[in-house]
Amino acid sequence: MNSVSASNLSLREKIGQLLSVGFRGARPDECALIVRDIREQHIGGVILFDQEMADPTTKRRNIESPAQVKELLAFLQSHARIPLLTSIDQEGGRVNRLKPVYGFPESISHEELGQLDQPAETYRQAAATAQTLAGLGLNWNLAPVVDLAVRADNPIIKGKGRSFSGDPEAAARHAAEFVKAHRAHGVLTCLKHFPGHGSATGDTHHGLVNVTDTWSEQELTPFRRLIEAGLCDAVMSAHVFNAKLDPERPATLSRKVITGILRERLGFRGVVSSDDMEMKAISSHYGLENSVPDAINAGIDVLCFGNNLSYDPNLAQRAADILVRAVESGRVPAARIDEACERVLALKRKAGLIG
């Protein structure tokens, strides 16, 4: 396993490490475009989906069976000079890419586990998930959700059974077991969605969501507890707008939220990933030319592009080109790219991908 550091990478290689990209193709012979991005754009990670959202003529995306996923990921890793972070949203319940219909085990939602309120059972269920992921070559589960079930009319968190509890201490307790179980199988996790999506009445997939009048400080508690306990591999931002925290920008693009609150107040030093940068809350209001550099300047280390709500075969290059121009013009400090890249590489070391 070769040792890698930002100091011996080119600017384009460093920027590539900050990109996690979704793609079309379930089998090696369908993956020429993502292989091109791995080789030429040096992307740091890929994200898998089971369903194709942008093309109504096909439902198929990256997942057909356990053997197929394992072959796909081994093929992609074989083309990466720096091993890839291979991620998936496998929360359990309704947010579940590895479904029984494809030959994977049944899973249980965060809400059901919270209602049982047996931390040992949460651990057992999460360990089964982590074992499945590790066996496939998936090294990063974009879970657990630590948003609080504080609004019955929340469509995307409470409405889909994605929250362990409305009680921040209970949510933290179950999330801790989820993380520990994944660590036992060598799988990274990601707490989401910072600084809290549970009090929202809208869905950031569809547009900007304002939580100014509904959000409360208790939504930070699960993040705080897991950071303090050393149980936080990574954090995912929410595309929510909260004028009390930043009167101008949603959390993903807010230095006040990502750097000021998450880094400085809560003391988190690891990787911060964006939620999907193509969600309408960001894409409809800011566009790539603004959102990509603004997110990096805010303190985001990994830009997640599901490339599924819409599809662009050249998305990785577009995002990389925007960041290269932003560094060359001085809009994004080169030191910020170095810092983000080092965090990504540290996460890869934690997963045993590099030395």
Protein backbone atom coordinates (compact mmCIF):
# COMPACT_ATOMS: atom_id res chain seq x y z
CA MET A 1 0.00 0.00 0.00
CA ASN A 2 1.63 3.22 -1.15
CA SER A 3 1.86 6.28 1.06
CA VAL A 4 0.05 9.28 -0.43
CA SER A 5 -0.02 12.91 0.66
CA ALA A 6 -1.35 16.11 -0.86
CA SER A 7 2.19 17.44 -1.18
CA ASN A 8 3.07 14.92 -3.91
CA LEU A 9 -0.13 15.39 -5.94
CA SER A 10 -0.79 17.90 -8.71
CA LEU A 11 -3.56 20.48 -8.31
CA ARG A 12 -5.86 18.43 -10.57
CA GLU A 13 -5.13 15.25 -8.63
CA LYS A 14 -5.91 17.01 -5.35
CA ILE A 15 -9.15 18.45 -6.71
CA GLY A 16 -10.15 15.06 -8.06
CA GLN A 17 -9.89 13.57 -4.58
CA LEU A 18 -12.61 15.99 -3.44
CA LEU A 19 -15.18 14.62 -5.91
CA SER A 20 -17.55 11.71 -5.24
CA VAL A 21 -19.52 10.98 -8.39
CA GLY A 22 -22.48 8.83 -9.39
CA PHE A 23 -22.46 7.10 -12.75
CA ARG A 24 -24.38 4.89 -15.15
CA GLY A 25 -23.40 1.26 -15.59
CA ALA A 26 -23.75 -1.98 -13.69
CA ARG A 27 -21.14 -4.05 -15.51
CA PRO A 28 -17.54 -3.34 -16.53
CA ASP A 29 -18.36 -3.04 -20.24
CA GLU A 30 -20.89 -0.28 -19.42
CA CYS A 31 -18.47 1.82 -17.39
CA ALA A 32 -16.19 3.52 -19.91
CA LEU A 33 -17.23 7.03 -18.79
CA ILE A 34 -16.65 6.55 -15.07
CA VAL A 35 -13.34 4.77 -15.77
CA ARG A 36 -12.35 7.82 -17.83
CA ASP A 37 -13.16 10.05 -14.83
CA ILE A 38 -11.19 7.82 -12.46
CA ARG A 39 -8.16 7.91 -14.74
CA GLU A 40 -8.29 11.44 -16.15
CA GLN A 41 -10.07 13.43 -13.43
CA HIS A 42 -8.56 11.40 -10.56
CA ILE A 43 -11.92 11.33 -8.76
CA GLY A 44 -11.66 10.27 -5.15
CA GLY A 45 -14.89 8.34 -4.87
CA VAL A 46 -18.01 6.91 -6.46
CA ILE A 47 -21.57 6.59 -5.15
CA LEU A 48 -23.87 3.73 -6.12
CA PHE A 49 -27.63 3.82 -6.69
CA ASP A 50 -30.05 1.09 -7.61
CA GLN A 51 -32.57 3.20 -9.52
CA GLU A 52 -32.03 5.53 -12.47
CA MET A 53 -33.86 8.78 -11.74
CA ALA A 54 -32.99 11.03 -14.70
CA ASP A 55 -33.99 8.66 -17.49
CA PRO A 56 -37.62 7.49 -17.24
CA THR A 57 -37.05 4.79 -19.86
CA THR A 58 -34.86 2.71 -17.54
CA LYS A 59 -35.01 1.91 -13.83
CA ARG A 60 -31.61 0.24 -13.71
CA ARG A 61 -28.50 1.98 -12.41
CA ASN A 62 -25.59 0.21 -10.68
CA ILE A 63 -27.11 -2.64 -8.67
CA GLU A 64 -28.43 -5.99 -9.91
CA SER A 65 -27.06 -8.65 -7.54
CA PRO A 66 -24.39 -9.17 -4.86
CA ALA A 67 -21.96 -10.83 -7.27
CA GLN A 68 -22.46 -8.10 -9.87
CA VAL A 69 -21.83 -5.25 -7.37
CA LYS A 70 -18.69 -6.95 -6.08
CA GLU A 71 -17.35 -7.37 -9.63
CA LEU A 72 -18.24 -3.78 -10.53
CA LEU A 73 -16.43 -2.27 -7.55
CA ALA A 74 -13.33 -4.44 -7.99
CA PHE A 75 -13.21 -3.35 -11.64
CA LEU A 76 -13.46 0.35 -10.75
CA GLN A 77 -10.80 0.06 -8.02
CA SER A 78 -8.45 -1.60 -10.51
CA HIS A 79 -8.37 1.65 -12.50
CA ALA A 80 -7.73 3.98 -9.53
CA ARG A 81 -4.16 5.01 -8.72
CA ILE A 82 -5.40 6.17 -5.30
CA PRO A 83 -8.08 3.70 -4.08
CA LEU A 84 -11.64 4.98 -4.24
CA LEU A 85 -14.07 5.75 -1.46
CA THR A 86 -17.01 3.61 -2.57
CA SER A 87 -20.18 4.94 -0.99
CA ILE A 88 -23.86 4.14 -0.77
CA ASP A 89 -26.95 5.30 1.16
CA GLN A 90 -27.77 2.13 3.08
CA GLU A 91 -29.66 3.49 6.06
CA GLY A 92 -32.21 0.68 6.19
CA GLY A 93 -35.95 0.74 5.69
CA ARG A 94 -37.04 2.98 2.83
CA VAL A 95 -33.58 4.45 2.14
CA ASN A 96 -32.07 1.21 1.08
CA ARG A 97 -30.17 0.74 -2.19
CA LEU A 98 -29.34 -2.94 -1.59
CA LYS A 99 -32.88 -4.29 -1.67
CA PRO A 100 -34.11 -7.88 -1.19
CA VAL A 101 -35.36 -7.84 -4.80
CA TYR A 102 -31.67 -7.80 -5.87
CA GLY A 103 -30.77 -10.64 -3.51
CA PHE A 104 -29.73 -8.63 -0.44
CA PRO A 105 -30.95 -9.14 3.15
CA GLU A 106 -33.99 -7.31 4.54
CA SER A 107 -33.18 -4.15 6.50
CA ILE A 108 -34.89 -2.22 9.26
CA SER A 109 -35.36 1.56 9.45
CA HIS A 110 -33.83 3.93 11.98
CA GLU A 111 -37.36 4.73 13.17
CA GLU A 112 -38.16 1.07 13.90
CA LEU A 113 -34.87 0.66 15.76
CA GLY A 114 -35.53 3.80 17.78
CA GLN A 115 -38.99 2.55 18.72
CA LEU A 116 -37.55 -0.78 19.86
CA ASP A 117 -34.98 1.25 21.83
CA GLN A 118 -32.63 -1.67 22.30
CA PRO A 119 -29.11 -0.42 21.48
CA ALA A 120 -27.83 -4.00 21.21
CA GLU A 121 -30.38 -4.68 18.46
CA THR A 122 -29.36 -1.48 16.65
CA TYR A 123 -25.78 -2.72 16.78
CA ARG A 124 -26.79 -6.18 15.52
CA GLN A 125 -28.76 -4.81 12.57
CA ALA A 126 -26.03 -2.31 11.67
CA ALA A 127 -23.36 -5.02 11.89
CA ALA A 128 -25.32 -7.15 9.41
CA THR A 129 -25.49 -4.17 7.04
CA ALA A 130 -21.79 -3.40 7.45
CA GLN A 131 -20.84 -7.02 6.85
CA THR A 132 -22.82 -6.97 3.60
CA LEU A 133 -21.17 -3.71 2.47
CA ALA A 134 -17.66 -4.87 3.32
CA GLY A 135 -18.19 -8.12 1.44
CA LEU A 136 -19.11 -6.18 -1.69
CA GLY A 137 -16.22 -3.71 -1.54
CA LEU A 138 -18.29 -0.78 -0.31
CA ASN A 139 -16.19 1.11 2.23
CA TRP A 140 -18.36 4.13 3.12
CA ASN A 141 -21.99 4.02 4.25
CA LEU A 142 -23.61 7.47 4.04
CA ALA A 143 -25.43 6.86 7.32
CA PRO A 144 -26.54 7.05 10.12
CA VAL A 145 -29.13 9.82 10.02
CA VAL A 146 -28.96 11.81 13.27
CA ASP A 147 -31.70 14.28 12.33
CA LEU A 148 -34.41 14.44 14.97
CA ALA A 149 -38.02 13.37 14.39
CA VAL A 150 -39.38 16.65 15.72
CA ARG A 151 -42.02 17.38 13.05
CA ALA A 152 -44.69 14.94 11.98
CA ASP A 153 -45.08 16.82 8.68
CA ASN A 154 -41.42 16.50 7.69
CA PRO A 155 -41.61 14.68 4.32
CA ILE A 156 -38.04 13.49 3.91
CA ILE A 157 -36.88 12.51 7.43
CA LYS A 158 -39.88 11.65 9.62
CA GLY A 159 -42.00 10.90 6.55
CA LYS A 160 -39.58 8.17 5.45
CA GLY A 161 -38.84 6.71 8.89
CA ARG A 162 -35.23 7.90 8.77
CA SER A 163 -34.83 9.25 12.32
CA PHE A 164 -34.09 7.17 15.40
CA SER A 165 -35.96 9.56 17.69
CA GLY A 166 -37.13 13.06 18.49
CA ASP A 167 -35.00 12.85 21.64
CA PRO A 168 -31.44 13.97 20.84
CA GLU A 169 -29.84 11.73 23.46
CA ALA A 170 -31.70 8.66 22.17
CA ALA A 171 -30.75 9.51 18.59
CA ALA A 172 -27.11 9.84 19.63
CA ARG A 173 -27.22 6.57 21.57
CA HIS A 174 -28.50 4.54 18.61
CA ALA A 175 -26.26 6.31 16.10
CA ALA A 176 -23.25 5.43 18.26
CA GLU A 177 -24.13 1.72 18.03
CA PHE A 178 -24.58 2.04 14.27
CA VAL A 179 -21.10 3.58 13.90
CA LYS A 180 -19.43 1.05 16.22
CA ALA A 181 -20.94 -1.86 14.28
CA HIS A 182 -19.67 -0.48 10.98
CA ARG A 183 -16.21 0.12 12.41
CA ALA A 184 -16.09 -3.50 13.55
CA HIS A 185 -16.34 -4.49 9.87
CA GLY A 186 -14.01 -1.79 8.53
CA VAL A 187 -16.74 0.36 6.98
CA LEU A 188 -16.75 4.17 7.32
CA THR A 189 -19.92 6.05 8.25
CA CYS A 190 -21.26 9.59 7.81
CA LEU A 191 -23.54 11.49 10.21
CA LYS A 192 -26.24 13.42 8.40
CA HIS A 193 -27.59 16.07 7.82
CA PHE A 194 -25.76 18.94 9.56
CA PRO A 195 -26.92 21.16 11.26
CA GLY A 196 -30.24 19.29 11.29
CA HIS A 197 -32.95 18.52 8.74
CA GLY A 198 -35.55 17.06 11.08
CA SER A 199 -37.38 20.34 11.71
CA ALA A 200 -37.85 21.10 8.01
CA THR A 201 -41.28 21.13 6.39
CA GLY A 202 -39.89 20.75 2.86
CA ASP A 203 -37.56 18.52 0.87
CA THR A 204 -34.23 19.93 -0.37
CA HIS A 205 -34.41 17.58 -3.38
CA HIS A 206 -37.11 19.88 -4.74
CA GLY A 207 -36.08 23.38 -3.61
CA LEU A 208 -34.68 25.63 -0.93
CA VAL A 209 -35.95 24.73 2.54
CA ASN A 210 -36.08 27.38 5.26
CA VAL A 211 -35.83 26.12 8.86
CA THR A 212 -35.28 29.54 10.47
CA ASP A 213 -38.49 29.36 12.51
CA THR A 214 -38.46 25.62 13.25
CA TRP A 215 -34.82 24.64 13.95
CA SER A 216 -33.51 24.41 17.52
CA GLU A 217 -30.08 24.00 19.13
CA GLN A 218 -30.98 20.49 20.31
CA GLU A 219 -30.56 19.34 16.71
CA LEU A 220 -26.81 19.77 17.17
CA THR A 221 -26.72 17.43 20.17
CA PRO A 222 -26.33 14.07 18.36
CA PHE A 223 -23.47 15.49 16.28
CA ARG A 224 -21.83 16.88 19.42
CA ARG A 225 -22.16 13.60 21.33
CA LEU A 226 -20.64 11.46 18.58
CA ILE A 227 -17.83 13.90 17.87
CA GLU A 228 -16.97 14.00 21.59
CA ALA A 229 -17.02 10.19 21.74
CA GLY A 230 -14.69 9.87 18.73
CA LEU A 231 -17.44 8.13 16.76
CA CYS A 232 -17.61 10.48 13.79
CA ASP A 233 -15.81 9.47 10.59
CA ALA A 234 -17.50 12.12 8.46
CA VAL A 235 -20.42 14.55 8.48
CA MET A 236 -22.81 15.36 5.63
CA SER A 237 -24.19 18.87 5.29
CA ALA A 238 -27.85 19.75 4.79
CA HIS A 239 -28.96 22.16 2.08
CA VAL A 240 -31.24 23.91 4.60
CA PHE A 241 -31.38 27.68 5.05
CA ASN A 242 -31.43 29.06 8.59
CA ALA A 243 -31.26 32.84 8.89
CA LYS A 244 -30.38 32.57 12.58
CA LEU A 245 -27.17 30.73 11.68
CA ASP A 246 -26.41 32.46 8.37
CA PRO A 247 -28.75 35.13 6.94
CA GLU A 248 -27.38 34.70 3.41
CA ARG A 249 -26.49 31.08 2.59
CA PRO A 250 -27.79 27.51 3.08
CA ALA A 251 -25.66 25.33 5.35
CA THR A 252 -23.70 23.57 2.58
CA LEU A 253 -22.44 26.93 1.27
CA SER A 254 -22.08 28.61 4.66
CA ARG A 255 -18.69 29.14 6.27
CA LYS A 256 -20.54 30.28 9.40
CA VAL A 257 -22.24 26.87 9.68
CA ILE A 258 -19.61 24.42 8.39
CA THR A 259 -16.46 26.10 9.71
CA GLY A 260 -17.90 28.27 12.49
CA ILE A 261 -20.26 25.76 14.11
CA LEU A 262 -19.14 22.29 13.04
CA ARG A 263 -15.40 22.86 13.04
CA GLU A 264 -14.86 25.58 15.63
CA ARG A 265 -17.72 25.15 18.09
CA LEU A 266 -18.13 21.35 17.93
CA GLY A 267 -14.46 20.65 17.24
CA PHE A 268 -14.86 18.29 14.28
CA ARG A 269 -11.61 17.79 12.35
CA GLY A 270 -12.59 15.11 9.85
CA VAL A 271 -14.19 15.03 6.41
CA VAL A 272 -17.31 17.04 5.72
CA SER A 273 -19.24 15.90 2.66
CA SER A 274 -21.94 17.86 0.92
CA ASP A 275 -25.33 16.35 0.33
CA ASP A 276 -25.96 15.86 -3.39
CA MET A 277 -24.96 19.12 -5.07
CA GLU A 278 -27.60 18.55 -7.74
CA MET A 279 -30.54 18.80 -5.37
CA LYS A 280 -32.75 21.69 -6.40
CA ALA A 281 -32.04 23.58 -3.16
CA ILE A 282 -28.55 24.20 -4.57
CA SER A 283 -28.71 23.64 -8.33
CA SER A 284 -31.75 25.84 -8.98
CA HIS A 285 -30.48 28.79 -6.94
CA TYR A 286 -26.70 28.84 -7.32
CA GLY A 287 -25.51 26.75 -10.28
CA LEU A 288 -22.24 24.81 -10.41
CA GLU A 289 -20.03 27.85 -11.14
CA ASN A 290 -20.97 29.35 -7.78
CA SER A 291 -21.91 26.40 -5.62
CA VAL A 292 -18.74 24.36 -6.18
CA PRO A 293 -16.22 27.00 -5.03
CA ASP A 294 -18.56 28.35 -2.35
CA ALA A 295 -18.99 24.90 -0.78
CA ILE A 296 -15.23 24.33 -0.67
CA ASN A 297 -14.69 27.78 0.85
CA ALA A 298 -17.39 27.03 3.43
CA GLY A 299 -15.36 24.04 4.64
CA ILE A 300 -16.81 21.16 2.61
CA ASP A 301 -14.13 18.56 1.76
CA VAL A 302 -16.05 16.14 -0.48
CA LEU A 303 -18.47 17.37 -3.12
CA CYS A 304 -21.09 14.70 -3.72
CA PHE A 305 -22.63 14.55 -7.19
CA GLY A 306 -25.18 11.77 -7.42
CA ASN A 307 -25.46 12.53 -11.14
CA ASN A 308 -28.88 10.93 -10.92
CA LEU A 309 -31.46 13.68 -10.34
CA SER A 310 -30.14 14.88 -13.68
CA TYR A 311 -27.36 13.26 -15.68
CA ASP A 312 -24.25 14.79 -17.22
CA PRO A 313 -21.57 12.42 -18.58
CA ASN A 314 -18.99 15.22 -18.20
CA LEU A 315 -19.96 16.34 -14.71
CA ALA A 316 -16.69 15.36 -13.02
CA GLN A 317 -14.62 17.33 -15.52
CA ARG A 318 -16.94 20.34 -15.28
CA ALA A 319 -16.67 20.42 -11.48
CA ALA A 320 -12.90 19.92 -11.56
CA ASP A 321 -12.44 22.66 -14.17
CA ILE A 322 -14.49 25.07 -12.06
CA LEU A 323 -12.26 24.41 -9.04
CA VAL A 324 -9.04 24.72 -11.05
CA ARG A 325 -10.21 28.11 -12.33
CA ALA A 326 -11.28 29.14 -8.83
CA VAL A 327 -7.82 28.37 -7.44
CA GLU A 328 -6.02 30.05 -10.33
CA SER A 329 -8.14 33.20 -9.93
CA GLY A 330 -7.69 33.28 -6.16
CA ARG A 331 -11.36 32.69 -5.41
CA VAL A 332 -10.46 29.46 -3.57
CA PRO A 333 -7.14 29.45 -1.70
CA ALA A 334 -4.77 26.65 -2.73
CA ALA A 335 -4.33 25.94 0.98
CA ARG A 336 -8.05 25.12 1.27
CA ILE A 337 -7.69 22.49 -1.48
CA ASP A 338 -4.64 21.03 0.29
CA GLU A 339 -6.49 20.91 3.60
CA ALA A 340 -9.54 19.19 2.10
CA CYS A 341 -7.39 16.71 0.19
CA GLU A 342 -5.41 15.78 3.30
CA ARG A 343 -8.66 15.12 5.15
CA VAL A 344 -9.89 12.85 2.36
CA LEU A 345 -6.58 10.98 2.32
CA ALA A 346 -6.75 10.62 6.13
CA LEU A 347 -10.22 9.09 5.75
CA LYS A 348 -8.84 6.65 3.18
CA ARG A 349 -6.06 5.71 5.60
CA LYS A 350 -8.68 5.12 8.30
CA ALA A 351 -10.42 2.72 5.92
CA GLY A 352 -7.13 0.93 5.20
CA LEU A 353 -7.17 2.00 1.55
CA ILE A 354 -3.78 3.73 1.56
CA GLY A 355 -0.72 3.83 3.77
